[in-house]
Amino acid sequence: MLPAEIRDSVFGMKVGEIKGPFKMPDGYEIYKITDRRTVSYSFEQVKNAVKLQLIDQKIQDSLKTYLDDLKKNMKIQINENLLK
């Protein structure tokens, strides 16, 4: 997964074109398009991938809501004796 600004730039490139360097968390990256291919997926493959992605997103949203609620209602006490 590329950041949006890099993804848009790279996917707009033509065969043989080089772009970069792009600063990434672990260094720099340079992209060169060497070939273009068209990939086809069946409806069932796409349907299952979208379904899994939606389920994952729903789980993440539910978890975030749950954790936010816990943080609001949580009372934290620090026992200084245990920290020593």
PDB file of N, CA and C in Angstrom:
ATOM      1  N   MET A   1       0.841  -1.175   0.000  1.00  0.00           N
ATOM      2  CA  MET A   1       0.000   0.000   0.000  1.00  0.00           C
ATOM      3  C   MET A   1       0.891   1.246   0.000  1.00  0.00           C
ATOM      4  N   LEU A   2       0.737   2.017  -1.036  1.00  0.00           N
ATOM      5  CA  LEU A   2       1.509   3.247  -1.151  1.00  0.00           C
ATOM      6  C   LEU A   2       0.686   4.423  -0.640  1.00  0.00           C
ATOM      7  N   PRO A   3       1.351   5.462  -0.126  1.00  0.00           N
ATOM      8  CA  PRO A   3       0.630   6.685   0.208  1.00  0.00           C
ATOM      9  C   PRO A   3      -0.053   7.234  -1.052  1.00  0.00           C
ATOM     10  N   ALA A   4      -1.181   7.909  -0.881  1.00  0.00           N
ATOM     11  CA  ALA A   4      -2.002   8.356  -2.009  1.00  0.00           C
ATOM     12  C   ALA A   4      -1.222   9.186  -3.023  1.00  0.00           C
ATOM     13  N   GLU A   5      -0.386  10.124  -2.567  1.00  0.00           N
ATOM     14  CA  GLU A   5       0.326  10.990  -3.500  1.00  0.00           C
ATOM     15  C   GLU A   5       1.331  10.211  -4.343  1.00  0.00           C
ATOM     16  N   ILE A   6       1.966   9.194  -3.757  1.00  0.00           N
ATOM     17  CA  ILE A   6       2.906   8.367  -4.521  1.00  0.00           C
ATOM     18  C   ILE A   6       2.134   7.439  -5.445  1.00  0.00           C
ATOM     19  N   ARG A   7       1.079   6.821  -4.946  1.00  0.00           N
ATOM     20  CA  ARG A   7       0.266   5.894  -5.749  1.00  0.00           C
ATOM     21  C   ARG A   7      -0.270   6.598  -6.988  1.00  0.00           C
ATOM     22  N   ASP A   8      -0.815   7.798  -6.828  1.00  0.00           N
ATOM     23  CA  ASP A   8      -1.357   8.530  -7.977  1.00  0.00           C
ATOM     24  C   ASP A   8      -0.272   8.839  -8.991  1.00  0.00           C
ATOM     25  N   SER A   9       0.896   9.197  -8.509  1.00  0.00           N
ATOM     26  CA  SER A   9       2.008   9.508  -9.405  1.00  0.00           C
ATOM     27  C   SER A   9       2.497   8.264 -10.142  1.00  0.00           C
ATOM     28  N   VAL A  10       2.651   7.158  -9.423  1.00  0.00           N
ATOM     29  CA  VAL A  10       3.178   5.923 -10.022  1.00  0.00           C
ATOM     30  C   VAL A  10       2.186   5.317 -11.002  1.00  0.00           C
ATOM     31  N   PHE A  11       0.905   5.276 -10.656  1.00  0.00           N
ATOM     32  CA  PHE A  11      -0.068   4.664 -11.551  1.00  0.00           C
ATOM     33  C   PHE A  11      -0.319   5.495 -12.807  1.00  0.00           C
ATOM     34  N   GLY A  12       0.112   6.745 -12.796  1.00  0.00           N
ATOM     35  CA  GLY A  12      -0.024   7.578 -13.988  1.00  0.00           C
ATOM     36  C   GLY A  12       1.185   7.503 -14.915  1.00  0.00           C
ATOM     37  N   MET A  13       2.185   6.725 -14.545  1.00  0.00           N
ATOM     38  CA  MET A  13       3.411   6.634 -15.338  1.00  0.00           C
ATOM     39  C   MET A  13       3.217   5.768 -16.582  1.00  0.00           C
ATOM     40  N   LYS A  14       4.064   6.010 -17.577  1.00  0.00           N
ATOM     41  CA  LYS A  14       4.056   5.214 -18.807  1.00  0.00           C
ATOM     42  C   LYS A  14       5.203   4.205 -18.751  1.00  0.00           C
ATOM     43  N   VAL A  15       5.140   3.177 -19.593  1.00  0.00           N
ATOM     44  CA  VAL A  15       6.189   2.156 -19.652  1.00  0.00           C
ATOM     45  C   VAL A  15       7.525   2.835 -19.965  1.00  0.00           C
ATOM     46  N   GLY A  16       8.543   2.497 -19.164  1.00  0.00           N
ATOM     47  CA  GLY A  16       9.878   3.059 -19.343  1.00  0.00           C
ATOM     48  C   GLY A  16      10.123   4.312 -18.511  1.00  0.00           C
ATOM     49  N   GLU A  17       9.090   4.894 -17.968  1.00  0.00           N
ATOM     50  CA  GLU A  17       9.221   6.122 -17.193  1.00  0.00           C
ATOM     51  C   GLU A  17       9.749   5.811 -15.785  1.00  0.00           C
ATOM     52  N   ILE A  18      10.557   6.732 -15.259  1.00  0.00           N
ATOM     53  CA  ILE A  18      11.135   6.591 -13.922  1.00  0.00           C
ATOM     54  C   ILE A  18      10.721   7.797 -13.091  1.00  0.00           C
ATOM     55  N   LYS A  19      10.315   7.550 -11.838  1.00  0.00           N
ATOM     56  CA  LYS A  19       9.964   8.647 -10.925  1.00  0.00           C
ATOM     57  C   LYS A  19      10.570   8.378  -9.566  1.00  0.00           C
ATOM     58  N   GLY A  20      10.883   9.438  -8.896  1.00  0.00           N
ATOM     59  CA  GLY A  20      11.419   9.342  -7.552  1.00  0.00           C
ATOM     60  C   GLY A  20      12.642  10.198  -7.442  1.00  0.00           C
ATOM     61  N   PRO A  21      13.310  10.163  -6.344  1.00  0.00           N
ATOM     62  CA  PRO A  21      13.060   9.315  -5.183  1.00  0.00           C
ATOM     63  C   PRO A  21      11.901   9.831  -4.333  1.00  0.00           C
ATOM     64  N   PHE A  22      11.217   8.893  -3.707  1.00  0.00           N
ATOM     65  CA  PHE A  22      10.142   9.196  -2.773  1.00  0.00           C
ATOM     66  C   PHE A  22      10.632   8.803  -1.382  1.00  0.00           C
ATOM     67  N   LYS A  23      10.473   9.721  -0.414  1.00  0.00           N
ATOM     68  CA  LYS A  23      10.886   9.432   0.968  1.00  0.00           C
ATOM     69  C   LYS A  23       9.853   8.514   1.601  1.00  0.00           C
ATOM     70  N   MET A  24      10.341   7.386   2.117  1.00  0.00           N
ATOM     71  CA  MET A  24       9.503   6.417   2.807  1.00  0.00           C
ATOM     72  C   MET A  24      10.030   6.265   4.233  1.00  0.00           C
ATOM     73  N   PRO A  25       9.257   5.648   5.137  1.00  0.00           N
ATOM     74  CA  PRO A  25       9.710   5.511   6.526  1.00  0.00           C
ATOM     75  C   PRO A  25      11.062   4.807   6.680  1.00  0.00           C
ATOM     76  N   ASP A  26      11.351   3.859   5.795  1.00  0.00           N
ATOM     77  CA  ASP A  26      12.598   3.112   5.929  1.00  0.00           C
ATOM     78  C   ASP A  26      13.636   3.456   4.862  1.00  0.00           C
ATOM     79  N   GLY A  27      13.479   4.605   4.207  1.00  0.00           N
ATOM     80  CA  GLY A  27      14.455   5.019   3.203  1.00  0.00           C
ATOM     81  C   GLY A  27      13.786   5.721   2.033  1.00  0.00           C
ATOM     82  N   TYR A  28      14.400   5.594   0.864  1.00  0.00           N
ATOM     83  CA  TYR A  28      13.882   6.214  -0.352  1.00  0.00           C
ATOM     84  C   TYR A  28      13.562   5.140  -1.376  1.00  0.00           C
ATOM     85  N   GLU A  29      12.565   5.423  -2.230  1.00  0.00           N
ATOM     86  CA  GLU A  29      12.196   4.479  -3.276  1.00  0.00           C
ATOM     87  C   GLU A  29      12.126   5.196  -4.613  1.00  0.00           C
ATOM     88  N   ILE A  30      12.570   4.499  -5.659  1.00  0.00           N
ATOM     89  CA  ILE A  30      12.505   4.979  -7.033  1.00  0.00           C
ATOM     90  C   ILE A  30      11.695   3.947  -7.808  1.00  0.00           C
ATOM     91  N   TYR A  31      10.773   4.417  -8.656  1.00  0.00           N
ATOM     92  CA  TYR A  31       9.907   3.511  -9.403  1.00  0.00           C
ATOM     93  C   TYR A  31      10.161   3.637 -10.890  1.00  0.00           C
ATOM     94  N   LYS A  32      10.200   2.484 -11.561  1.00  0.00           N
ATOM     95  CA  LYS A  32      10.312   2.430 -13.015  1.00  0.00           C
ATOM     96  C   LYS A  32       9.265   1.446 -13.511  1.00  0.00           C
ATOM     97  N   ILE A  33       8.464   1.882 -14.471  1.00  0.00           N
ATOM     98  CA  ILE A  33       7.450   1.007 -15.060  1.00  0.00           C
ATOM     99  C   ILE A  33       8.107   0.232 -16.198  1.00  0.00           C
ATOM    100  N   THR A  34       8.140  -1.081 -16.064  1.00  0.00           N
ATOM    101  CA  THR A  34       8.765  -1.925 -17.080  1.00  0.00           C
ATOM    102  C   THR A  34       7.737  -2.641 -17.944  1.00  0.00           C
ATOM    103  N   ASP A  35       6.491  -2.732 -17.459  1.00  0.00           N
ATOM    104  CA  ASP A  35       5.464  -3.473 -18.202  1.00  0.00           C
ATOM    105  C   ASP A  35       4.099  -3.079 -17.668  1.00  0.00           C
ATOM    106  N   ARG A  36       3.100  -3.196 -18.509  1.00  0.00           N
ATOM    107  CA  ARG A  36       1.711  -2.986 -18.094  1.00  0.00           C
ATOM    108  C   ARG A  36       0.938  -4.244 -18.428  1.00  0.00           C
ATOM    109  N   ARG A  37       0.133  -4.709 -17.472  1.00  0.00           N
ATOM    110  CA  ARG A  37      -0.702  -5.880 -17.696  1.00  0.00           C
ATOM    111  C   ARG A  37      -2.122  -5.576 -17.261  1.00  0.00           C
ATOM    112  N   THR A  38      -3.053  -6.201 -17.918  1.00  0.00           N
ATOM    113  CA  THR A  38      -4.446  -6.109 -17.522  1.00  0.00           C
ATOM    114  C   THR A  38      -4.800  -7.398 -16.796  1.00  0.00           C
ATOM    115  N   VAL A  39      -5.391  -7.242 -15.638  1.00  0.00           N
ATOM    116  CA  VAL A  39      -5.758  -8.398 -14.836  1.00  0.00           C
ATOM    117  C   VAL A  39      -7.270  -8.418 -14.706  1.00  0.00           C
ATOM    118  N   SER A  40      -7.841  -9.575 -14.914  1.00  0.00           N
ATOM    119  CA  SER A  40      -9.286  -9.728 -14.771  1.00  0.00           C
ATOM    120  C   SER A  40      -9.586 -10.642 -13.592  1.00  0.00           C
ATOM    121  N   TYR A  41     -10.595 -10.270 -12.854  1.00  0.00           N
ATOM    122  CA  TYR A  41     -11.036 -11.068 -11.720  1.00  0.00           C
ATOM    123  C   TYR A  41     -12.498 -11.427 -11.928  1.00  0.00           C
ATOM    124  N   SER A  42     -12.858 -12.597 -11.440  1.00  0.00           N
ATOM    125  CA  SER A  42     -14.254 -13.003 -11.536  1.00  0.00           C
ATOM    126  C   SER A  42     -15.067 -12.216 -10.516  1.00  0.00           C
ATOM    127  N   PHE A  43     -16.356 -12.159 -10.737  1.00  0.00           N
ATOM    128  CA  PHE A  43     -17.249 -11.467  -9.817  1.00  0.00           C
ATOM    129  C   PHE A  43     -17.130 -12.062  -8.415  1.00  0.00           C
ATOM    130  N   GLU A  44     -17.049 -13.388  -8.321  1.00  0.00           N
ATOM    131  CA  GLU A  44     -16.975 -14.043  -7.014  1.00  0.00           C
ATOM    132  C   GLU A  44     -15.698 -13.658  -6.260  1.00  0.00           C
ATOM    133  N   GLN A  45     -14.579 -13.556  -6.994  1.00  0.00           N
ATOM    134  CA  GLN A  45     -13.326 -13.162  -6.352  1.00  0.00           C
ATOM    135  C   GLN A  45     -13.434 -11.745  -5.793  1.00  0.00           C
ATOM    136  N   VAL A  46     -13.972 -10.853  -6.582  1.00  0.00           N
ATOM    137  CA  VAL A  46     -14.116  -9.459  -6.156  1.00  0.00           C
ATOM    138  C   VAL A  46     -15.125  -9.368  -5.017  1.00  0.00           C
ATOM    139  N   LYS A  47     -16.222 -10.086  -5.138  1.00  0.00           N
ATOM    140  CA  LYS A  47     -17.264 -10.070  -4.118  1.00  0.00           C
ATOM    141  C   LYS A  47     -16.692 -10.509  -2.767  1.00  0.00           C
ATOM    142  N   ASN A  48     -15.943 -11.610  -2.764  1.00  0.00           N
ATOM    143  CA  ASN A  48     -15.361 -12.108  -1.517  1.00  0.00           C
ATOM    144  C   ASN A  48     -14.333 -11.139  -0.940  1.00  0.00           C
ATOM    145  N   ALA A  49     -13.512 -10.534  -1.792  1.00  0.00           N
ATOM    146  CA  ALA A  49     -12.509  -9.583  -1.316  1.00  0.00           C
ATOM    147  C   ALA A  49     -13.179  -8.361  -0.696  1.00  0.00           C
ATOM    148  N   VAL A  50     -14.213  -7.850  -1.336  1.00  0.00           N
ATOM    149  CA  VAL A  50     -14.931  -6.684  -0.807  1.00  0.00           C
ATOM    150  C   VAL A  50     -15.627  -7.048   0.498  1.00  0.00           C
ATOM    151  N   LYS A  51     -16.227  -8.227   0.536  1.00  0.00           N
ATOM    152  CA  LYS A  51     -16.919  -8.679   1.749  1.00  0.00           C
ATOM    153  C   LYS A  51     -15.943  -8.747   2.923  1.00  0.00           C
ATOM    154  N   LEU A  52     -14.765  -9.339   2.717  1.00  0.00           N
ATOM    155  CA  LEU A  52     -13.766  -9.435   3.772  1.00  0.00           C
ATOM    156  C   LEU A  52     -13.280  -8.060   4.218  1.00  0.00           C
ATOM    157  N   GLN A  53     -13.116  -7.169   3.261  1.00  0.00           N
ATOM    158  CA  GLN A  53     -12.664  -5.823   3.589  1.00  0.00           C
ATOM    159  C   GLN A  53     -13.718  -5.087   4.421  1.00  0.00           C
ATOM    160  N   LEU A  54     -14.990  -5.233   4.067  1.00  0.00           N
ATOM    161  CA  LEU A  54     -16.064  -4.590   4.824  1.00  0.00           C
ATOM    162  C   LEU A  54     -16.186  -5.172   6.231  1.00  0.00           C
ATOM    163  N   ILE A  55     -16.037  -6.485   6.351  1.00  0.00           N
ATOM    164  CA  ILE A  55     -16.080  -7.122   7.672  1.00  0.00           C
ATOM    165  C   ILE A  55     -14.935  -6.602   8.535  1.00  0.00           C
ATOM    166  N   ASP A  56     -13.739  -6.532   7.962  1.00  0.00           N
ATOM    167  CA  ASP A  56     -12.575  -6.044   8.696  1.00  0.00           C
ATOM    168  C   ASP A  56     -12.788  -4.602   9.147  1.00  0.00           C
ATOM    169  N   GLN A  57     -13.323  -3.784   8.259  1.00  0.00           N
ATOM    170  CA  GLN A  57     -13.568  -2.380   8.603  1.00  0.00           C
ATOM    171  C   GLN A  57     -14.602  -2.273   9.729  1.00  0.00           C
ATOM    172  N   LYS A  58     -15.646  -3.087   9.674  1.00  0.00           N
ATOM    173  CA  LYS A  58     -16.666  -3.061  10.713  1.00  0.00           C
ATOM    174  C   LYS A  58     -16.075  -3.487  12.058  1.00  0.00           C
ATOM    175  N   ILE A  59     -15.220  -4.494  12.054  1.00  0.00           N
ATOM    176  CA  ILE A  59     -14.564  -4.940  13.284  1.00  0.00           C
ATOM    177  C   ILE A  59     -13.680  -3.822  13.843  1.00  0.00           C
ATOM    178  N   GLN A  60     -12.911  -3.173  12.978  1.00  0.00           N
ATOM    179  CA  GLN A  60     -12.038  -2.092  13.426  1.00  0.00           C
ATOM    180  C   GLN A  60     -12.845  -0.933  14.011  1.00  0.00           C
ATOM    181  N   ASP A  61     -13.958  -0.582  13.360  1.00  0.00           N
ATOM    182  CA  ASP A  61     -14.814   0.499  13.861  1.00  0.00           C
ATOM    183  C   ASP A  61     -15.420   0.129  15.212  1.00  0.00           C
ATOM    184  N   SER A  62     -15.883  -1.103  15.338  1.00  0.00           N
ATOM    185  CA  SER A  62     -16.462  -1.560  16.606  1.00  0.00           C
ATOM    186  C   SER A  62     -15.426  -1.572  17.720  1.00  0.00           C
ATOM    187  N   LEU A  63     -14.228  -2.012  17.404  1.00  0.00           N
ATOM    188  CA  LEU A  63     -13.156  -2.052  18.396  1.00  0.00           C
ATOM    189  C   LEU A  63     -12.788  -0.644  18.845  1.00  0.00           C
ATOM    190  N   LYS A  64     -12.706   0.277  17.894  1.00  0.00           N
ATOM    191  CA  LYS A  64     -12.386   1.664  18.239  1.00  0.00           C
ATOM    192  C   LYS A  64     -13.464   2.249  19.142  1.00  0.00           C
ATOM    193  N   THR A  65     -14.728   2.026  18.821  1.00  0.00           N
ATOM    194  CA  THR A  65     -15.828   2.518  19.639  1.00  0.00           C
ATOM    195  C   THR A  65     -15.761   1.924  21.040  1.00  0.00           C
ATOM    196  N   TYR A  66     -15.516   0.624  21.121  1.00  0.00           N
ATOM    197  CA  TYR A  66     -15.414  -0.068  22.406  1.00  0.00           C
ATOM    198  C   TYR A  66     -14.276   0.506  23.250  1.00  0.00           C
ATOM    199  N   LEU A  67     -13.102   0.689  22.638  1.00  0.00           N
ATOM    200  CA  LEU A  67     -11.957   1.230  23.364  1.00  0.00           C
ATOM    201  C   LEU A  67     -12.190   2.676  23.793  1.00  0.00           C
ATOM    202  N   ASP A  68     -12.815   3.476  22.941  1.00  0.00           N
ATOM    203  CA  ASP A  68     -13.138   4.860  23.306  1.00  0.00           C
ATOM    204  C   ASP A  68     -14.075   4.894  24.501  1.00  0.00           C
ATOM    205  N   ASP A  69     -15.078   4.013  24.516  1.00  0.00           N
ATOM    206  CA  ASP A  69     -16.001   3.935  25.654  1.00  0.00           C
ATOM    207  C   ASP A  69     -15.266   3.517  26.930  1.00  0.00           C
ATOM    208  N   LEU A  70     -14.371   2.551  26.807  1.00  0.00           N
ATOM    209  CA  LEU A  70     -13.595   2.134  27.972  1.00  0.00           C
ATOM    210  C   LEU A  70     -12.760   3.282  28.522  1.00  0.00           C
ATOM    211  N   LYS A  71     -12.137   4.039  27.641  1.00  0.00           N
ATOM    212  CA  LYS A  71     -11.292   5.160  28.071  1.00  0.00           C
ATOM    213  C   LYS A  71     -12.121   6.224  28.792  1.00  0.00           C
ATOM    214  N   LYS A  72     -13.337   6.472  28.320  1.00  0.00           N
ATOM    215  CA  LYS A  72     -14.200   7.481  28.945  1.00  0.00           C
ATOM    216  C   LYS A  72     -14.613   7.060  30.352  1.00  0.00           C
ATOM    217  N   ASN A  73     -14.876   5.789  30.549  1.00  0.00           N
ATOM    218  CA  ASN A  73     -15.412   5.301  31.813  1.00  0.00           C
ATOM    219  C   ASN A  73     -14.351   4.733  32.753  1.00  0.00           C
ATOM    220  N   MET A  74     -13.118   4.718  32.336  1.00  0.00           N
ATOM    221  CA  MET A  74     -12.042   4.111  33.111  1.00  0.00           C
ATOM    222  C   MET A  74     -11.503   5.115  34.130  1.00  0.00           C
ATOM    223  N   LYS A  75     -11.350   4.664  35.355  1.00  0.00           N
ATOM    224  CA  LYS A  75     -10.719   5.477  36.393  1.00  0.00           C
ATOM    225  C   LYS A  75      -9.353   4.862  36.662  1.00  0.00           C
ATOM    226  N   ILE A  76      -8.329   5.667  36.522  1.00  0.00           N
ATOM    227  CA  ILE A  76      -6.963   5.173  36.658  1.00  0.00           C
ATOM    228  C   ILE A  76      -6.390   5.671  37.983  1.00  0.00           C
ATOM    229  N   GLN A  77      -5.823   4.741  38.743  1.00  0.00           N
ATOM    230  CA  GLN A  77      -5.147   5.076  39.990  1.00  0.00           C
ATOM    231  C   GLN A  77      -3.714   4.575  39.872  1.00  0.00           C
ATOM    232  N   ILE A  78      -2.792   5.396  40.303  1.00  0.00           N
ATOM    233  CA  ILE A  78      -1.390   5.012  40.276  1.00  0.00           C
ATOM    234  C   ILE A  78      -0.942   4.729  41.698  1.00  0.00           C
ATOM    235  N   ASN A  79      -0.455   3.533  41.923  1.00  0.00           N
ATOM    236  CA  ASN A  79       0.068   3.133  43.226  1.00  0.00           C
ATOM    237  C   ASN A  79       1.571   3.377  43.206  1.00  0.00           C
ATOM    238  N   GLU A  80       1.968   4.482  43.828  1.00  0.00           N
ATOM    239  CA  GLU A  80       3.385   4.894  43.834  1.00  0.00           C
ATOM    240  C   GLU A  80       4.284   3.821  44.473  1.00  0.00           C
ATOM    241  N   ASN A  81       3.762   3.081  45.445  1.00  0.00           N
ATOM    242  CA  ASN A  81       4.568   2.046  46.124  1.00  0.00           C
ATOM    243  C   ASN A  81       4.966   0.941  45.154  1.00  0.00           C
ATOM    244  N   LEU A  82       4.064   0.596  44.242  1.00  0.00           N
ATOM    245  CA  LEU A  82       4.370  -0.461  43.274  1.00  0.00           C
ATOM    246  C   LEU A  82       5.369   0.011  42.217  1.00  0.00           C
ATOM    247  N   LEU A  83       5.464   1.298  41.991  1.00  0.00           N
ATOM    248  CA  LEU A  83       6.401   1.821  40.986  1.00  0.00           C
ATOM    249  C   LEU A  83       7.841   1.832  41.476  1.00  0.00           C
ATOM    250  N   LYS A  84       8.015   1.746  42.782  1.00  0.00           N
ATOM    251  CA  LYS A  84       9.388   1.807  43.341  1.00  0.00           C
ATOM    252  C   LYS A  84      10.151   0.549  43.109  1.00  0.00           C
TER     253      LYS A  84
END
